[in-house]
Amino acid sequence: ANEWITATVLLKFIEDYAEAIASGGTIGELPAGELAENTTVCVVPMVNPDGVDLVTGAVTENERAQAESLAEFYPNIPFPDGWKANLNGVDLNLQYPAGWLTAREIKFAQGYTRPGPRDFVGRFPLSQPEAQALADYTQRIDPEIVIAWHSQGEVIYWQYGGIQVEGARELAERFANLSGYRLEDTPYNSSFAGYKDWFIQTYRRPGFTIEVGAGENPLPLSQFGEIYTASLPILVAGAMG
């Protein structure tokens, strides 16, 4: 929810890509028409709409009150700026059946044992409609690679559970070289139940998490230009595969 700046990045990419195709121009220094003829790019720019509405002040008074009642159990997390979950208080990137029980054990040990602003894994994997919808969509389109946009840290994660995926490291290195972001191993406590984790485990294909920007979420729009400049070549290189 408080990583909503990523949605603006992806929507800007769609706009620029479509304009370049229509005008016969380039995207990321590549002919956009040629890229479109040879690849299919599927973009889901926002997977937590009601959470984003909470952080940006677009929810109703009743919805805000519902979230605030959950946040009361976590008084050390700023409200609403510290909110990562959906309005049910479930962290959607801890909802996928890839080490979900391990994620539950880790997060419960950290004190996230009930719905709240962040890090509650839910009652079972894919219990939330947003996570189920994204899993269903992924199964339907059967992509060659997936890239999940998050903030913040200017790092790229590309592994899950020691699974060796052909070409993943090389593509991750290309992303790092193009963006200036660092390539890092995912911290253990954040290594389970994420979308890219599930994709790698299920499909044995490259999956990546891109942590854009630097600072404290939600990142200010003043970082948009810098974030988009780093993200665009990753998006184009990802389309090329």
C-alpha atoms as a PDB file:
ATOM      1  CA  ALA A   1       0.000   0.000   0.000  1.00  0.00           C
ATOM      2  CA  ASN A   2       2.702   2.490   0.950  1.00  0.00           C
ATOM      3  CA  GLU A   3       4.740   1.441  -2.101  1.00  0.00           C
ATOM      4  CA  TRP A   4       2.226   3.039  -4.470  1.00  0.00           C
ATOM      5  CA  ILE A   5       4.862   5.006  -6.394  1.00  0.00           C
ATOM      6  CA  THR A   6       5.564   1.787  -8.318  1.00  0.00           C
ATOM      7  CA  ALA A   7       2.099   1.992  -9.894  1.00  0.00           C
ATOM      8  CA  THR A   8       2.891   5.418 -11.346  1.00  0.00           C
ATOM      9  CA  VAL A   9       6.134   4.026 -12.805  1.00  0.00           C
ATOM     10  CA  LEU A  10       4.373   1.162 -14.557  1.00  0.00           C
ATOM     11  CA  LEU A  11       1.546   3.343 -15.854  1.00  0.00           C
ATOM     12  CA  LYS A  12       4.089   5.812 -17.258  1.00  0.00           C
ATOM     13  CA  PHE A  13       5.864   2.919 -18.972  1.00  0.00           C
ATOM     14  CA  ILE A  14       2.602   1.764 -20.582  1.00  0.00           C
ATOM     15  CA  GLU A  15       1.927   5.305 -21.806  1.00  0.00           C
ATOM     16  CA  ASP A  16       5.437   5.798 -23.221  1.00  0.00           C
ATOM     17  CA  TYR A  17       5.490   2.346 -24.837  1.00  0.00           C
ATOM     18  CA  ALA A  18       2.092   2.819 -26.499  1.00  0.00           C
ATOM     19  CA  GLU A  19       3.058   6.280 -27.757  1.00  0.00           C
ATOM     20  CA  ALA A  20       6.345   4.956 -29.157  1.00  0.00           C
ATOM     21  CA  ILE A  21       4.546   2.128 -30.962  1.00  0.00           C
ATOM     22  CA  ALA A  22       1.986   4.515 -32.436  1.00  0.00           C
ATOM     23  CA  SER A  23       4.593   7.051 -33.577  1.00  0.00           C
ATOM     24  CA  GLY A  24       7.159   4.564 -34.831  1.00  0.00           C
ATOM     25  CA  GLY A  25       9.575   5.682 -32.143  1.00  0.00           C
ATOM     26  CA  THR A  26      11.819   3.952 -29.652  1.00  0.00           C
ATOM     27  CA  ILE A  27      11.486   2.744 -26.099  1.00  0.00           C
ATOM     28  CA  GLY A  28      14.687   2.347 -24.140  1.00  0.00           C
ATOM     29  CA  GLU A  29      16.625   2.934 -27.387  1.00  0.00           C
ATOM     30  CA  LEU A  30      14.882  -0.013 -29.100  1.00  0.00           C
ATOM     31  CA  PRO A  31      12.316   0.275 -31.923  1.00  0.00           C
ATOM     32  CA  ALA A  32       9.020   0.010 -30.069  1.00  0.00           C
ATOM     33  CA  GLY A  33       7.125  -1.503 -32.995  1.00  0.00           C
ATOM     34  CA  GLU A  34       9.668  -4.274 -33.426  1.00  0.00           C
ATOM     35  CA  LEU A  35       9.623  -5.036 -29.704  1.00  0.00           C
ATOM     36  CA  ALA A  36       5.819  -5.203 -29.756  1.00  0.00           C
ATOM     37  CA  GLU A  37       5.814  -7.538 -32.751  1.00  0.00           C
ATOM     38  CA  ASN A  38       8.147 -10.008 -31.074  1.00  0.00           C
ATOM     39  CA  THR A  39       7.094  -9.886 -27.407  1.00  0.00           C
ATOM     40  CA  THR A  40       4.017  -9.618 -25.229  1.00  0.00           C
ATOM     41  CA  VAL A  41       4.254  -7.403 -22.155  1.00  0.00           C
ATOM     42  CA  CYS A  42       1.540  -7.847 -19.508  1.00  0.00           C
ATOM     43  CA  VAL A  43       1.394  -5.210 -16.789  1.00  0.00           C
ATOM     44  CA  VAL A  44      -0.583  -5.264 -13.550  1.00  0.00           C
ATOM     45  CA  PRO A  45       0.224  -1.797 -12.200  1.00  0.00           C
ATOM     46  CA  MET A  46      -1.466  -2.088  -8.803  1.00  0.00           C
ATOM     47  CA  VAL A  47      -2.226  -5.253  -6.847  1.00  0.00           C
ATOM     48  CA  ASN A  48      -3.392  -3.641  -3.593  1.00  0.00           C
ATOM     49  CA  PRO A  49      -5.887  -0.938  -4.581  1.00  0.00           C
ATOM     50  CA  ASP A  50      -7.741  -0.517  -1.290  1.00  0.00           C
ATOM     51  CA  GLY A  51      -4.458  -0.415   0.650  1.00  0.00           C
ATOM     52  CA  VAL A  52      -3.160   2.287  -1.682  1.00  0.00           C
ATOM     53  CA  ASP A  53      -6.397   4.219  -1.252  1.00  0.00           C
ATOM     54  CA  LEU A  54      -5.898   4.108   2.526  1.00  0.00           C
ATOM     55  CA  VAL A  55      -2.356   5.486   2.386  1.00  0.00           C
ATOM     56  CA  THR A  56      -3.251   8.185  -0.156  1.00  0.00           C
ATOM     57  CA  GLY A  57      -6.425   9.266   1.665  1.00  0.00           C
ATOM     58  CA  ALA A  58      -8.961   7.997  -0.862  1.00  0.00           C
ATOM     59  CA  VAL A  59     -10.952   5.628   1.379  1.00  0.00           C
ATOM     60  CA  THR A  60     -14.288   6.328   3.024  1.00  0.00           C
ATOM     61  CA  GLU A  61     -14.493   7.268   6.692  1.00  0.00           C
ATOM     62  CA  ASN A  62     -15.835   3.800   7.520  1.00  0.00           C
ATOM     63  CA  GLU A  63     -12.968   2.089   5.687  1.00  0.00           C
ATOM     64  CA  ARG A  64     -10.418   4.260   7.436  1.00  0.00           C
ATOM     65  CA  ALA A  65     -11.997   3.482  10.790  1.00  0.00           C
ATOM     66  CA  GLN A  66     -11.873  -0.242  10.006  1.00  0.00           C
ATOM     67  CA  ALA A  67      -8.147  -0.022   9.229  1.00  0.00           C
ATOM     68  CA  GLU A  68      -7.470   2.183  12.244  1.00  0.00           C
ATOM     69  CA  SER A  69      -9.050  -0.400  14.532  1.00  0.00           C
ATOM     70  CA  LEU A  70      -6.594  -3.010  13.222  1.00  0.00           C
ATOM     71  CA  ALA A  71      -3.674  -0.604  13.526  1.00  0.00           C
ATOM     72  CA  GLU A  72      -4.385  -0.084  17.233  1.00  0.00           C
ATOM     73  CA  PHE A  73      -2.784  -3.455  17.959  1.00  0.00           C
ATOM     74  CA  TYR A  74       0.480  -2.212  16.385  1.00  0.00           C
ATOM     75  CA  PRO A  75       0.970   1.249  17.920  1.00  0.00           C
ATOM     76  CA  ASN A  76       4.628   1.483  16.846  1.00  0.00           C
ATOM     77  CA  ILE A  77       3.686   1.481  13.147  1.00  0.00           C
ATOM     78  CA  PRO A  78       2.764   4.941  11.822  1.00  0.00           C
ATOM     79  CA  PHE A  79      -0.807   5.194  10.569  1.00  0.00           C
ATOM     80  CA  PRO A  80      -1.543   5.267   7.711  1.00  0.00           C
ATOM     81  CA  ASP A  81       1.939   5.789   6.236  1.00  0.00           C
ATOM     82  CA  GLY A  82       3.257   2.497   7.629  1.00  0.00           C
ATOM     83  CA  TRP A  83       0.445   0.467   6.080  1.00  0.00           C
ATOM     84  CA  LYS A  84       1.521  -2.295   3.640  1.00  0.00           C
ATOM     85  CA  ALA A  85      -1.455  -4.650   3.851  1.00  0.00           C
ATOM     86  CA  ASN A  86      -4.863  -4.642   2.190  1.00  0.00           C
ATOM     87  CA  LEU A  87      -7.841  -3.350   4.163  1.00  0.00           C
ATOM     88  CA  ASN A  88      -8.319  -6.832   5.644  1.00  0.00           C
ATOM     89  CA  GLY A  89      -4.936  -6.351   7.316  1.00  0.00           C
ATOM     90  CA  VAL A  90      -3.197  -9.077   5.307  1.00  0.00           C
ATOM     91  CA  ASP A  91       0.207  -8.481   3.709  1.00  0.00           C
ATOM     92  CA  LEU A  92      -0.383  -9.570   0.117  1.00  0.00           C
ATOM     93  CA  ASN A  93       3.262 -10.369  -0.610  1.00  0.00           C
ATOM     94  CA  LEU A  94       3.183 -12.982   2.151  1.00  0.00           C
ATOM     95  CA  GLN A  95       0.237 -14.812   0.631  1.00  0.00           C
ATOM     96  CA  TYR A  96       1.792 -17.211  -1.857  1.00  0.00           C
ATOM     97  CA  PRO A  97       2.321 -20.973  -1.400  1.00  0.00           C
ATOM     98  CA  ALA A  98       6.119 -20.907  -1.424  1.00  0.00           C
ATOM     99  CA  GLY A  99       7.406 -21.475   2.094  1.00  0.00           C
ATOM    100  CA  TRP A 100       4.239 -19.916   3.521  1.00  0.00           C
ATOM    101  CA  LEU A 101       4.448 -21.872   6.768  1.00  0.00           C
ATOM    102  CA  THR A 102       8.037 -20.692   7.237  1.00  0.00           C
ATOM    103  CA  ALA A 103       6.946 -17.101   6.599  1.00  0.00           C
ATOM    104  CA  ARG A 104       4.170 -17.561   9.149  1.00  0.00           C
ATOM    105  CA  GLU A 105       6.629 -18.836  11.740  1.00  0.00           C
ATOM    106  CA  ILE A 106       8.997 -15.914  11.130  1.00  0.00           C
ATOM    107  CA  LYS A 107       6.326 -13.233  11.204  1.00  0.00           C
ATOM    108  CA  PHE A 108       4.556 -14.668  14.240  1.00  0.00           C
ATOM    109  CA  ALA A 109       7.900 -14.701  16.069  1.00  0.00           C
ATOM    110  CA  GLN A 110       8.230 -11.005  15.191  1.00  0.00           C
ATOM    111  CA  GLY A 111       4.826 -10.309  16.731  1.00  0.00           C
ATOM    112  CA  TYR A 112       2.674 -10.101  13.592  1.00  0.00           C
ATOM    113  CA  THR A 113       0.072 -12.600  14.765  1.00  0.00           C
ATOM    114  CA  ARG A 114      -3.132 -10.863  13.731  1.00  0.00           C
ATOM    115  CA  PRO A 115      -4.420  -8.611  10.934  1.00  0.00           C
ATOM    116  CA  GLY A 116      -2.766  -5.227  10.910  1.00  0.00           C
ATOM    117  CA  PRO A 117      -0.737  -2.736   8.882  1.00  0.00           C
ATOM    118  CA  ARG A 118       1.967  -5.166   7.720  1.00  0.00           C
ATOM    119  CA  ASP A 119       3.525  -8.636   7.841  1.00  0.00           C
ATOM    120  CA  PHE A 120       0.430 -10.651   8.760  1.00  0.00           C
ATOM    121  CA  VAL A 121       0.461 -13.668   6.418  1.00  0.00           C
ATOM    122  CA  GLY A 122      -3.271 -14.399   6.542  1.00  0.00           C
ATOM    123  CA  ARG A 123      -5.038 -17.578   7.609  1.00  0.00           C
ATOM    124  CA  PHE A 124      -3.800 -19.644   4.660  1.00  0.00           C
ATOM    125  CA  PRO A 125      -2.052 -19.075   1.296  1.00  0.00           C
ATOM    126  CA  LEU A 126      -4.053 -17.190  -1.338  1.00  0.00           C
ATOM    127  CA  SER A 127      -6.791 -16.415   1.172  1.00  0.00           C
ATOM    128  CA  GLN A 128      -7.053 -12.852  -0.132  1.00  0.00           C
ATOM    129  CA  PRO A 129      -8.838 -12.127  -3.432  1.00  0.00           C
ATOM    130  CA  GLU A 130      -6.017  -9.894  -4.701  1.00  0.00           C
ATOM    131  CA  ALA A 131      -3.386 -12.609  -4.290  1.00  0.00           C
ATOM    132  CA  GLN A 132      -5.669 -15.272  -5.755  1.00  0.00           C
ATOM    133  CA  ALA A 133      -6.442 -13.026  -8.738  1.00  0.00           C
ATOM    134  CA  LEU A 134      -2.759 -12.429  -9.472  1.00  0.00           C
ATOM    135  CA  ALA A 135      -1.984 -16.158  -9.173  1.00  0.00           C
ATOM    136  CA  ASP A 136      -4.884 -16.983 -11.514  1.00  0.00           C
ATOM    137  CA  TYR A 137      -3.780 -14.340 -13.998  1.00  0.00           C
ATOM    138  CA  THR A 138      -0.216 -15.625 -13.958  1.00  0.00           C
ATOM    139  CA  GLN A 139      -1.396 -19.177 -14.602  1.00  0.00           C
ATOM    140  CA  ARG A 140      -3.558 -17.956 -17.470  1.00  0.00           C
ATOM    141  CA  ILE A 141      -0.884 -15.949 -19.309  1.00  0.00           C
ATOM    142  CA  ASP A 142       1.959 -18.410 -18.505  1.00  0.00           C
ATOM    143  CA  PRO A 143       4.767 -15.804 -18.682  1.00  0.00           C
ATOM    144  CA  GLU A 144       8.401 -16.486 -19.473  1.00  0.00           C
ATOM    145  CA  ILE A 145       9.541 -14.175 -16.660  1.00  0.00           C
ATOM    146  CA  VAL A 146       7.947 -12.003 -13.986  1.00  0.00           C
ATOM    147  CA  ILE A 147       9.205  -8.802 -12.415  1.00  0.00           C
ATOM    148  CA  ALA A 148       7.612  -7.491  -9.221  1.00  0.00           C
ATOM    149  CA  TRP A 149       8.040  -3.776  -8.479  1.00  0.00           C
ATOM    150  CA  HIS A 150       8.395  -2.740  -4.843  1.00  0.00           C
ATOM    151  CA  SER A 151      10.002   0.100  -2.891  1.00  0.00           C
ATOM    152  CA  GLN A 152      12.507   0.832  -1.470  1.00  0.00           C
ATOM    153  CA  GLY A 153      16.281   0.140  -1.387  1.00  0.00           C
ATOM    154  CA  GLU A 154      17.569   0.248  -4.982  1.00  0.00           C
ATOM    155  CA  VAL A 155      18.245  -3.493  -4.957  1.00  0.00           C
ATOM    156  CA  ILE A 156      17.329  -6.478  -7.135  1.00  0.00           C
ATOM    157  CA  TYR A 157      16.405  -9.908  -5.757  1.00  0.00           C
ATOM    158  CA  TRP A 158      16.396 -12.882  -8.085  1.00  0.00           C
ATOM    159  CA  GLN A 159      16.537 -16.116  -6.066  1.00  0.00           C
ATOM    160  CA  TYR A 160      14.244 -18.390  -4.118  1.00  0.00           C
ATOM    161  CA  GLY A 161      15.118 -21.408  -2.014  1.00  0.00           C
ATOM    162  CA  GLY A 162      18.320 -22.339  -3.804  1.00  0.00           C
ATOM    163  CA  ILE A 163      16.418 -23.137  -7.015  1.00  0.00           C
ATOM    164  CA  GLN A 164      18.740 -22.777  -9.997  1.00  0.00           C
ATOM    165  CA  VAL A 165      16.925 -21.159 -12.928  1.00  0.00           C
ATOM    166  CA  GLU A 166      18.776 -21.051 -16.225  1.00  0.00           C
ATOM    167  CA  GLY A 167      19.582 -17.507 -17.311  1.00  0.00           C
ATOM    168  CA  ALA A 168      18.215 -15.841 -14.161  1.00  0.00           C
ATOM    169  CA  ARG A 169      21.550 -14.676 -12.795  1.00  0.00           C
ATOM    170  CA  GLU A 170      22.648 -13.303 -16.170  1.00  0.00           C
ATOM    171  CA  LEU A 171      19.405 -11.383 -16.602  1.00  0.00           C
ATOM    172  CA  ALA A 172      19.609 -10.049 -13.044  1.00  0.00           C
ATOM    173  CA  GLU A 173      23.139  -8.817 -13.736  1.00  0.00           C
ATOM    174  CA  ARG A 174      21.899  -7.090 -16.876  1.00  0.00           C
ATOM    175  CA  PHE A 175      19.166  -5.373 -14.873  1.00  0.00           C
ATOM    176  CA  ALA A 176      21.743  -4.239 -12.318  1.00  0.00           C
ATOM    177  CA  ASN A 177      24.103  -2.867 -14.960  1.00  0.00           C
ATOM    178  CA  LEU A 178      21.312  -1.001 -16.728  1.00  0.00           C
ATOM    179  CA  SER A 179      19.725   0.511 -13.619  1.00  0.00           C
ATOM    180  CA  GLY A 180      22.652   1.011 -11.268  1.00  0.00           C
ATOM    181  CA  TYR A 181      20.804  -0.986  -8.608  1.00  0.00           C
ATOM    182  CA  ARG A 182      22.608  -3.588  -6.505  1.00  0.00           C
ATOM    183  CA  LEU A 183      22.154  -7.312  -6.919  1.00  0.00           C
ATOM    184  CA  GLU A 184      21.605  -8.898  -3.503  1.00  0.00           C
ATOM    185  CA  ASP A 185      20.480 -12.090  -1.817  1.00  0.00           C
ATOM    186  CA  THR A 186      17.056 -11.778  -0.240  1.00  0.00           C
ATOM    187  CA  PRO A 187      17.291 -11.422   3.565  1.00  0.00           C
ATOM    188  CA  TYR A 188      16.221 -14.694   5.184  1.00  0.00           C
ATOM    189  CA  ASN A 189      13.290 -13.185   7.089  1.00  0.00           C
ATOM    190  CA  SER A 190      11.867 -11.886   3.791  1.00  0.00           C
ATOM    191  CA  SER A 191      12.662 -14.959   1.704  1.00  0.00           C
ATOM    192  CA  PHE A 192       9.310 -16.749   1.723  1.00  0.00           C
ATOM    193  CA  ALA A 193       5.708 -16.571   0.492  1.00  0.00           C
ATOM    194  CA  GLY A 194       6.258 -13.713  -1.973  1.00  0.00           C
ATOM    195  CA  TYR A 195       4.895 -13.566  -5.508  1.00  0.00           C
ATOM    196  CA  LYS A 196       8.251 -13.990  -7.238  1.00  0.00           C
ATOM    197  CA  ASP A 197       9.097 -16.829  -4.817  1.00  0.00           C
ATOM    198  CA  TRP A 198       5.944 -18.684  -5.855  1.00  0.00           C
ATOM    199  CA  PHE A 199       6.616 -18.060  -9.541  1.00  0.00           C
ATOM    200  CA  ILE A 200      10.178 -19.384  -9.359  1.00  0.00           C
ATOM    201  CA  GLN A 201       9.096 -22.440  -7.369  1.00  0.00           C
ATOM    202  CA  THR A 202       6.126 -23.210  -9.612  1.00  0.00           C
ATOM    203  CA  TYR A 203       7.497 -22.468 -13.069  1.00  0.00           C
ATOM    204  CA  ARG A 204      11.271 -22.774 -12.649  1.00  0.00           C
ATOM    205  CA  ARG A 205      11.574 -19.583 -14.705  1.00  0.00           C
ATOM    206  CA  PRO A 206      13.228 -16.250 -13.864  1.00  0.00           C
ATOM    207  CA  GLY A 207      11.420 -14.110 -11.310  1.00  0.00           C
ATOM    208  CA  PHE A 208      12.657 -10.816  -9.890  1.00  0.00           C
ATOM    209  CA  THR A 209      11.808  -8.269  -7.225  1.00  0.00           C
ATOM    210  CA  ILE A 210      12.945  -4.715  -7.950  1.00  0.00           C
ATOM    211  CA  GLU A 211      13.107  -2.433  -4.912  1.00  0.00           C
ATOM    212  CA  VAL A 212      13.041   1.077  -6.375  1.00  0.00           C
ATOM    213  CA  GLY A 213      14.073   4.330  -4.758  1.00  0.00           C
ATOM    214  CA  ALA A 214      15.657   5.077  -1.406  1.00  0.00           C
ATOM    215  CA  GLY A 215      14.307   6.337   1.885  1.00  0.00           C
ATOM    216  CA  GLU A 216      11.173   5.582   3.866  1.00  0.00           C
ATOM    217  CA  ASN A 217       7.888   4.443   2.335  1.00  0.00           C
ATOM    218  CA  PRO A 218       5.816   6.021   1.004  1.00  0.00           C
ATOM    219  CA  LEU A 219       8.512   7.569  -1.173  1.00  0.00           C
ATOM    220  CA  PRO A 220       7.898  11.158  -2.300  1.00  0.00           C
ATOM    221  CA  LEU A 221       6.945  11.859  -5.902  1.00  0.00           C
ATOM    222  CA  SER A 222      10.089  13.965  -6.148  1.00  0.00           C
ATOM    223  CA  GLN A 223      11.905  10.643  -6.651  1.00  0.00           C
ATOM    224  CA  PHE A 224       9.708   9.655  -9.583  1.00  0.00           C
ATOM    225  CA  GLY A 225      12.047  10.834 -12.350  1.00  0.00           C
ATOM    226  CA  GLU A 226      15.069   9.060 -10.915  1.00  0.00           C
ATOM    227  CA  ILE A 227      13.078   5.876 -10.259  1.00  0.00           C
ATOM    228  CA  TYR A 228      11.599   5.842 -13.756  1.00  0.00           C
ATOM    229  CA  THR A 229      15.013   6.366 -15.341  1.00  0.00           C
ATOM    230  CA  ALA A 230      16.303   3.298 -13.487  1.00  0.00           C
ATOM    231  CA  SER A 231      13.173   1.225 -14.127  1.00  0.00           C
ATOM    232  CA  LEU A 232      12.706   1.801 -17.858  1.00  0.00           C
ATOM    233  CA  PRO A 233      15.756  -0.177 -19.051  1.00  0.00           C
ATOM    234  CA  ILE A 234      14.785  -3.041 -16.729  1.00  0.00           C
ATOM    235  CA  LEU A 235      11.310  -3.119 -18.231  1.00  0.00           C
ATOM    236  CA  VAL A 236      12.663  -3.125 -21.778  1.00  0.00           C
ATOM    237  CA  ALA A 237      15.320  -5.746 -21.037  1.00  0.00           C
ATOM    238  CA  GLY A 238      12.694  -7.824 -19.268  1.00  0.00           C
ATOM    239  CA  ALA A 239      10.466  -7.662 -22.329  1.00  0.00           C
ATOM    240  CA  MET A 240      13.357  -8.927 -24.437  1.00  0.00           C
ATOM    241  CA  GLY A 241      13.951 -11.781 -21.959  1.00  0.00           C
END
